[in-house]
Amino acid sequence: MKTITIIAAAAENKALGKNNDLLWHLPDDFKRFKKITTGHSIIMGRKTFESFPKPLPNRKHIIITRDKNYTTNFKDCFIVHSLEAALAITESEDTVFIIGGGEIYALGLEIATKIELTRVHENFEADAFFPELDTKKWKILQEEYHAKDEKHKYDFTYLTYVKR
């Protein structure tokens, strides 16, 4: 069975980002994201893709956009116009990740089987937000709290959810 995992970092008020940028710097969360997603396909919206300086190494990038003329010259980057088309590209893969942004997460909630959420324990002003999770549909499988330290300005918790 295919695992479709949403992976995100969201604040207490569900803030994801502002002006196509992250709101915090959590090095341990970046390392975790890299460890979890390397070697797999990552599905994202165009704005998320454009927020990277270059494609992330060792991952197939599937970019969803409404712009029928959108192109990229990067290797291992595929342009599609729907979540269904993104999933079709990954048909033979066991594990796929949905990495954002807010609109793509909202679409992905219906089909995802797992969520890896880093909850940043702070509220932020933002223009992109993580969707509300229905606790009747999702249960927490694992929690791992991290206190702020010299490298992390905010407390955060890794939360692993699975579909009920």
Foldseek 3Di string as FASTA:
>chain_A
DAAEEEEAEAEPVQAGAAPLDGDFDDPVSVVVCCVVAAQEEEEEEPSPCVSDPHDDPRYQYEYADCDPPDDDPDPSYHYDHDPVVVVVVCVVPRYYYYYDDQVSQVVCVVPHFKYWYKYWHDDDDHDTGHDDDDCVFKDWPDKDWDQADPRGPTTIMTTMIGTD
